[in-house]
Protein backbone atom coordinates (compact mmCIF):
# COMPACT_ATOMS: atom_id res chain seq x y z
CA UNK A 1 -0.10 0.00 -0.05
CA UNK A 2 1.42 3.32 -1.01
CA UNK A 3 2.13 5.91 1.78
CA UNK A 4 0.83 9.48 1.20
CA UNK A 5 2.62 12.72 2.55
CA UNK A 6 0.45 15.28 4.17
CA UNK A 7 0.15 17.44 1.01
CA UNK A 8 -0.90 14.52 -1.09
CA UNK A 9 -4.09 13.80 0.86
CA UNK A 10 -6.33 15.15 -1.98
CA UNK A 11 -4.69 12.71 -4.30
CA UNK A 12 -4.98 9.97 -1.65
CA UNK A 13 -8.74 10.56 -1.91
CA UNK A 14 -9.16 10.29 -5.57
CA UNK A 15 -6.88 7.20 -5.73
CA UNK A 16 -8.68 5.47 -2.98
CA UNK A 17 -12.24 6.12 -4.61
CA UNK A 18 -10.97 4.54 -7.79
CA UNK A 19 -9.67 1.48 -6.16
CA UNK A 20 -13.04 1.39 -4.05
CA UNK A 21 -14.90 1.34 -7.42
CA UNK A 22 -12.79 -1.42 -8.96
CA UNK A 23 -13.02 -3.31 -5.72
CA UNK A 24 -16.93 -3.18 -5.85
CA UNK A 25 -16.78 -4.25 -9.39
CA UNK A 26 -14.76 -7.26 -8.65
CA UNK A 27 -17.23 -8.36 -5.99
CA UNK A 28 -20.21 -7.70 -8.30
CA UNK A 29 -19.57 -8.96 -11.85
CA UNK A 30 -22.85 -7.17 -12.89
CA UNK A 31 -21.38 -3.79 -12.39
CA UNK A 32 -19.52 -1.70 -14.88
CA UNK A 33 -17.68 1.08 -13.07
CA UNK A 34 -14.52 1.05 -15.20
CA UNK A 35 -15.41 4.47 -17.04
CA UNK A 36 -15.84 6.39 -13.72
CA UNK A 37 -12.64 4.69 -12.50
CA UNK A 38 -10.76 5.66 -15.58
CA UNK A 39 -12.07 9.13 -15.00
CA UNK A 40 -10.79 9.39 -11.40
CA UNK A 41 -7.44 8.08 -12.63
CA UNK A 42 -7.13 10.85 -15.29
CA UNK A 43 -8.04 13.26 -12.32
CA UNK A 44 -5.19 11.86 -10.14
CA UNK A 45 -2.78 12.18 -12.96
CA UNK A 46 -3.53 15.90 -13.39
CA UNK A 47 -3.55 16.45 -9.70
CA UNK A 48 -0.09 14.49 -9.41
CA UNK A 49 1.20 16.80 -11.97
CA UNK A 50 0.06 19.87 -10.25
CA UNK A 51 1.26 18.95 -6.72
CA UNK A 52 4.83 18.08 -7.87
CA UNK A 53 5.30 21.08 -10.50
CA UNK A 54 6.01 23.58 -7.92
CA UNK A 55 7.09 21.75 -4.49
CA UNK A 56 8.28 24.28 -1.92
CA UNK A 57 11.56 23.51 -0.26
CA UNK A 58 9.75 21.99 2.92
CA UNK A 59 7.60 19.57 0.52
CA UNK A 60 10.78 18.63 -0.98
CA UNK A 61 12.03 17.57 2.40
CA UNK A 62 9.14 15.52 3.02
CA UNK A 63 9.44 13.96 -0.11
CA UNK A 64 13.16 13.11 0.16
CA UNK A 65 12.36 11.52 3.62
CA UNK A 66 9.42 9.24 2.11
CA UNK A 67 9.70 5.91 3.50
CA UNK A 68 8.87 4.16 0.23
CA UNK A 69 11.99 5.85 -1.94
CA UNK A 70 14.54 3.43 -2.81
CA UNK A 71 17.30 3.18 -0.38
CA UNK A 72 20.99 2.16 -0.73
CA UNK A 73 20.33 -1.44 -0.64
CA UNK A 74 17.92 -1.25 -3.39
CA UNK A 75 20.51 0.74 -5.61
CA UNK A 76 23.12 -1.77 -4.88
CA UNK A 77 21.06 -4.78 -5.68
CA UNK A 78 19.81 -3.15 -8.93
CA UNK A 79 22.87 -1.33 -10.22
CA UNK A 80 25.73 -3.50 -8.93
CA UNK A 81 26.95 -7.17 -9.60
CA UNK A 82 29.10 -9.40 -7.69
CA UNK A 83 28.71 -7.18 -4.51
CA UNK A 84 30.89 -8.32 -1.64
CA UNK A 85 29.97 -6.47 1.62
CA UNK A 86 32.95 -5.61 4.07
CA UNK A 87 32.23 -5.03 7.58
CA UNK A 88 33.66 -3.39 10.65
CA UNK A 89 36.22 -0.54 11.24
CA UNK A 90 39.02 -2.92 12.67
CA UNK A 91 38.72 -0.93 15.82
CA UNK A 92 35.31 -0.86 17.54
CA UNK A 93 32.46 -2.53 15.51
CA UNK A 94 30.56 -2.83 12.41
CA UNK A 95 28.07 0.16 12.03
CA UNK A 96 25.06 -1.07 10.10
CA UNK A 97 23.97 2.44 9.25
CA UNK A 98 27.05 2.33 6.69
CA UNK A 99 27.13 -0.53 4.07
CA UNK A 100 29.83 -0.90 1.57
CA UNK A 101 32.02 -3.32 -0.23
CA UNK A 102 33.56 -4.48 -3.30
CA UNK A 103 31.41 -4.73 -6.43
CA UNK A 104 31.20 -4.38 -10.36
CA UNK A 105 29.38 -1.42 -12.16
CA UNK A 106 28.80 -2.04 -15.86
CA UNK A 107 31.39 -4.97 -15.19
CA UNK A 108 34.01 -2.36 -13.84
CA UNK A 109 35.34 -2.99 -10.48
CA UNK A 110 34.40 -0.29 -7.90
CA UNK A 111 33.91 0.33 -4.30
CA UNK A 112 30.45 1.41 -3.20
CA UNK A 113 29.55 2.90 0.00
CA UNK A 114 26.29 4.32 1.50
CA UNK A 115 23.82 5.14 4.08
CA UNK A 116 21.18 2.68 4.71
CA UNK A 117 18.01 3.60 6.56
CA UNK A 118 15.96 0.26 6.50
CA UNK A 119 12.68 -0.21 4.88
CA UNK A 120 10.46 -1.27 7.83
CA UNK A 121 10.40 -0.63 11.71
CA UNK A 122 12.84 -3.75 12.50
CA UNK A 123 15.44 -2.85 9.88
CA UNK A 124 15.22 0.93 10.49
CA UNK A 125 16.18 0.29 14.26
CA UNK A 126 18.92 -2.09 12.91
CA UNK A 127 20.25 0.55 10.71
CA UNK A 128 19.86 3.27 13.25
CA UNK A 129 17.68 5.16 10.55
CA UNK A 130 20.85 5.73 8.66
CA UNK A 131 22.51 7.82 11.10
CA UNK A 132 26.09 6.60 11.42
CA UNK A 133 28.34 6.30 14.36
CA UNK A 134 32.18 6.98 14.31
CA UNK A 135 32.67 3.17 13.47
CA UNK A 136 30.56 3.92 10.50
CA UNK A 137 32.82 6.43 8.98
CA UNK A 138 35.85 4.71 9.79
CA UNK A 139 34.64 1.77 7.93
CA UNK A 140 34.11 4.10 4.95
CA UNK A 141 37.59 5.42 5.43
CA UNK A 142 39.14 1.69 5.54
CA UNK A 143 37.15 1.20 2.23
CA UNK A 144 38.30 4.17 0.47
CA UNK A 145 41.91 3.15 1.56
CA UNK A 146 41.41 0.04 -0.16
CA UNK A 147 40.04 1.47 -3.38
CA UNK A 148 42.94 4.08 -3.60
CA UNK A 149 45.17 0.89 -2.91
CA UNK A 150 43.97 -0.94 -5.92
CA UNK A 151 42.85 1.84 -8.20
CA UNK A 152 39.00 1.39 -8.07
CA UNK A 153 36.65 4.27 -8.34
CA UNK A 154 34.50 4.93 -5.26
CA UNK A 155 30.57 5.46 -5.76
CA UNK A 156 29.01 6.81 -2.44
CA UNK A 157 25.13 6.80 -2.10
CA UNK A 158 24.09 9.46 0.52
CA UNK A 159 20.76 9.39 2.55
CA UNK A 160 20.99 10.20 6.16
CA UNK A 161 19.33 12.84 8.42
CA UNK A 162 23.05 13.42 9.73
CA UNK A 163 25.57 11.56 12.10
CA UNK A 164 24.33 9.92 15.12
CA UNK A 165 24.38 12.47 18.00
CA UNK A 166 24.52 9.93 20.95
CA UNK A 167 26.73 10.10 23.97
CA UNK A 168 28.53 6.95 22.99
CA UNK A 169 29.35 8.25 19.58
CA UNK A 170 30.63 11.56 20.91
CA UNK A 171 32.93 9.71 23.27
CA UNK A 172 34.36 7.48 20.44
CA UNK A 173 35.14 10.50 18.46
CA UNK A 174 32.23 11.14 16.31
CA UNK A 175 33.52 14.77 14.94
CA UNK A 176 36.92 13.46 14.46
CA UNK A 177 35.68 10.36 12.32
CA UNK A 178 33.71 12.66 10.14
CA UNK A 179 36.70 14.91 9.57
CA UNK A 180 38.79 12.04 8.70
CA UNK A 181 36.25 10.78 6.40
CA UNK A 182 35.90 13.97 4.68
CA UNK A 183 39.81 14.47 4.29
CA UNK A 184 39.90 10.85 2.84
CA UNK A 185 37.23 11.97 0.33
CA UNK A 186 39.68 14.93 -0.79
CA UNK A 187 42.84 12.91 -0.89
CA UNK A 188 42.28 9.60 -2.57
CA UNK A 189 43.86 9.17 -6.09
CA UNK A 190 40.70 7.63 -7.74
CA UNK A 191 37.59 9.07 -9.29
CA UNK A 192 35.11 9.52 -6.37
CA UNK A 193 31.21 9.89 -7.51
CA UNK A 194 28.59 10.77 -4.89
CA UNK A 195 24.83 10.47 -5.25
CA UNK A 196 22.34 11.88 -2.80
CA UNK A 197 19.32 9.87 -3.10
CA UNK A 198 17.38 11.27 -0.16
CA UNK A 199 18.46 13.32 2.71
CA UNK A 200 21.87 14.83 2.90
CA UNK A 201 22.10 15.78 6.34
CA UNK A 202 24.82 17.78 7.71
CA UNK A 203 28.61 16.63 8.29
CA UNK A 204 27.10 12.99 8.28
CA UNK A 205 26.50 13.53 4.46
CA UNK A 206 29.75 15.74 3.76
CA UNK A 207 31.86 12.78 4.96
CA UNK A 208 30.78 10.92 1.77
CA UNK A 209 29.93 13.64 -0.66
CA UNK A 210 33.15 15.33 -1.01
CA UNK A 211 33.46 14.24 -4.31
CA UNK A 212 34.68 14.86 -7.93
CA UNK A 213 31.02 14.78 -9.02
CA UNK A 214 28.10 15.03 -6.92
CA UNK A 215 24.56 14.41 -8.20
CA UNK A 216 21.29 14.81 -6.50
CA UNK A 217 17.91 13.34 -7.32
CA UNK A 218 15.40 16.03 -8.30
CA UNK A 219 13.68 15.96 -4.80
CA UNK A 220 16.50 15.12 -2.71
CA UNK A 221 17.88 17.74 -0.24
CA UNK A 222 21.44 18.55 0.88
CA UNK A 223 21.99 20.92 3.97
CA UNK A 224 24.06 21.79 6.96
CA UNK A 225 21.18 21.14 9.37
CA UNK A 226 17.68 20.07 9.12
CA UNK A 227 14.84 22.57 8.91
CA UNK A 228 13.47 21.66 12.26
CA UNK A 229 17.06 21.97 13.69
CA UNK A 230 17.61 25.37 12.12
CA UNK A 231 14.14 26.60 13.34
CA UNK A 232 14.80 25.52 16.92
CA UNK A 233 18.07 27.49 16.81
CA UNK A 234 16.85 30.60 14.83
CA UNK A 235 13.23 30.97 15.96
CA UNK A 236 13.24 29.04 19.13
CA UNK A 237 10.46 26.82 17.35
CA UNK A 238 10.59 23.82 15.13
CA UNK A 239 7.13 24.96 13.84
CA UNK A 240 9.17 27.57 11.54
CA UNK A 241 10.70 24.61 9.71
CA UNK A 242 9.14 25.83 6.48
CA UNK A 243 10.66 29.36 6.61
CA UNK A 244 14.06 27.48 7.58
CA UNK A 245 13.83 25.16 4.51
CA UNK A 246 13.44 28.00 2.32
CA UNK A 247 16.29 30.04 3.88
CA UNK A 248 18.57 26.94 4.02
CA UNK A 249 18.68 26.60 0.03
CA UNK A 250 18.54 22.84 0.46
CA UNK A 251 16.87 21.83 -2.86
CA UNK A 252 18.84 20.07 -5.75
CA UNK A 253 17.95 22.88 -7.92
CA UNK A 254 19.31 25.56 -5.79
CA UNK A 255 22.42 23.77 -4.96
CA UNK A 256 23.11 23.28 -8.74
CA UNK A 257 22.81 26.88 -9.29
CA UNK A 258 25.18 27.49 -6.41
CA UNK A 259 27.79 25.09 -7.89
CA UNK A 260 27.40 22.63 -5.09
CA UNK A 261 25.64 20.22 -7.08
CA UNK A 262 27.15 18.94 -10.61
CA UNK A 263 24.05 17.18 -11.90
CA UNK A 264 20.39 17.06 -11.05
CA UNK A 265 19.05 13.52 -11.79
CA UNK A 266 15.17 14.03 -12.85
CA UNK A 267 12.70 11.71 -10.83
CA UNK A 268 9.55 9.89 -12.13
CA UNK A 269 6.40 11.65 -11.87
CA UNK A 270 5.40 11.86 -8.36
CA UNK A 271 8.71 11.18 -6.93
CA UNK A 272 11.25 8.21 -6.71
CA UNK A 273 8.78 6.65 -4.29
CA UNK A 274 6.15 6.09 -7.16
CA UNK A 275 8.49 4.38 -9.62
CA UNK A 276 11.43 3.03 -7.69
CA UNK A 277 13.02 0.89 -10.77
CA UNK A 278 12.71 3.87 -13.04
CA UNK A 279 14.50 6.22 -10.54
CA UNK A 280 17.24 3.64 -10.07
CA UNK A 281 17.65 3.42 -13.68
CA UNK A 282 18.11 7.04 -14.01
CA UNK A 283 20.57 7.33 -11.18
CA UNK A 284 22.73 4.26 -12.74
CA UNK A 285 22.79 6.25 -16.10
CA UNK A 286 23.91 9.10 -14.41
CA UNK A 287 26.80 7.26 -12.49
CA UNK A 288 27.73 5.59 -15.93
CA UNK A 289 28.07 9.09 -17.65
CA UNK A 290 30.11 10.64 -14.56
CA UNK A 291 32.50 7.60 -14.39
CA UNK A 292 33.06 7.94 -18.16
CA UNK A 293 33.95 11.54 -17.85
CA UNK A 294 36.40 10.87 -14.81
CA UNK A 295 38.05 7.72 -16.37
CA UNK A 296 41.64 7.88 -17.34
CA UNK A 297 42.41 11.13 -15.68
CA UNK A 298 45.77 11.38 -14.00
CA UNK A 299 45.74 10.92 -10.40
CA UNK A 300 47.50 14.26 -9.36
CA UNK A 301 45.33 16.32 -11.75
CA UNK A 302 42.18 14.60 -10.29
CA UNK A 303 42.96 15.35 -6.83
CA UNK A 304 44.11 19.00 -7.60
CA UNK A 305 40.55 19.67 -9.57
CA UNK A 306 38.77 17.99 -6.71
CA UNK A 307 40.73 20.52 -4.29
CA UNK A 308 39.99 23.53 -6.22
CA UNK A 309 36.38 22.48 -6.86
CA UNK A 310 35.75 22.73 -2.97
CA UNK A 311 38.01 25.76 -2.60
CA UNK A 312 36.12 27.73 -5.13
CA UNK A 313 32.65 26.64 -3.69
CA UNK A 314 30.37 29.43 -2.70
CA UNK A 315 31.91 32.02 -5.65
CA UNK A 316 28.70 31.32 -7.74
CA UNK A 317 25.58 32.93 -6.64
CA UNK A 318 21.99 31.80 -7.01
CA UNK A 319 21.51 34.69 -9.72
CA UNK A 320 24.54 33.52 -11.66
C-alpha cells in the first residue's frame, strides 16, 4: 500500500475512490464502473502533476524522507553485480547504518559505500535510521583506502538525516571520524562519485559527498542542518521549519545554481517512491556518465581539480 504525505491527501482520496470502485466491481460482476474509475485515474494524474510541479523546499524535504523511496540497499542490488560487503572498522564494531564493499558497475570493479535507513520498523532500528556512528565513518575510510590502493573508483550513495548525536558516539570521536572521512574523500587518487538519493544531512553527508562529481535526485535535499533544527535555533520553535527550509537553500535546484551539485537527476512523475525501478535506472545512467567523464584522468590532476572545486565553492551565486 502506498504511503501518502500530508500534502498528497487530496490525491489519496481520489486514488482511494478509484480503487474502491474497482473492488466493488470485482465483488459484483454485473457492475460496470470502469468508465468512472478511469475518469478518477485521469483526475489523479492531473492532480499529481500539479502537486509536484512547484514543490516548496519544505515539501521537497518531505518527499526526500518518504519511507517508500528506494534506499542504498535497493540501488546496490539493482545497479551492481558481484557485491561483496565488507564489515567493521577494525577498531570497535560494525556500523549497520553504513554499508559498503567491493562490486562491479557495468562490469567495472568499484567500491560502493552508502547510508542505509532500512525499509520497515525492524530494519530501521537495526540501521539506526541511516545515522552513522564513528565506526561507520571509519569503515568508510577503510574502504576508500582499499579503493585507493587497488585503483578502484568509489561510488557513494548518501541518505542520512545526519551523524548519530548520541553520547557513546561522541565519546568515541564522532566529529574526528567525520573530519577524517571528509579528508579521505579529498585525498584519494581515484575517481569519487557521490549521489544524494534522499536526505543529505550535515557533516554526516559531507563525509561521503566531498566528491569529484556530486549528483542529486530532483527531490533530494542537502543541507548543514535539518529545517527543524535550524528553526529551533533561529526562531526557538520547530514549527518554523517551512521558513527554515526556504532559507537553507537545500534543494537540488538551488544547490546546482550555487555550484555545489554538478548534476540534478530527474525523478519519475510523483517522485522516486512512485516508480523505484525507473528512479534507480536514472541514477545508474547518471553514474555511468560521470564515471566515463572521470575515467583515465591523471591522479594528481584529479585530486588537484577536486581540491580546487571545493576551494572555489560559494563563489557562484543563485542569480549567476
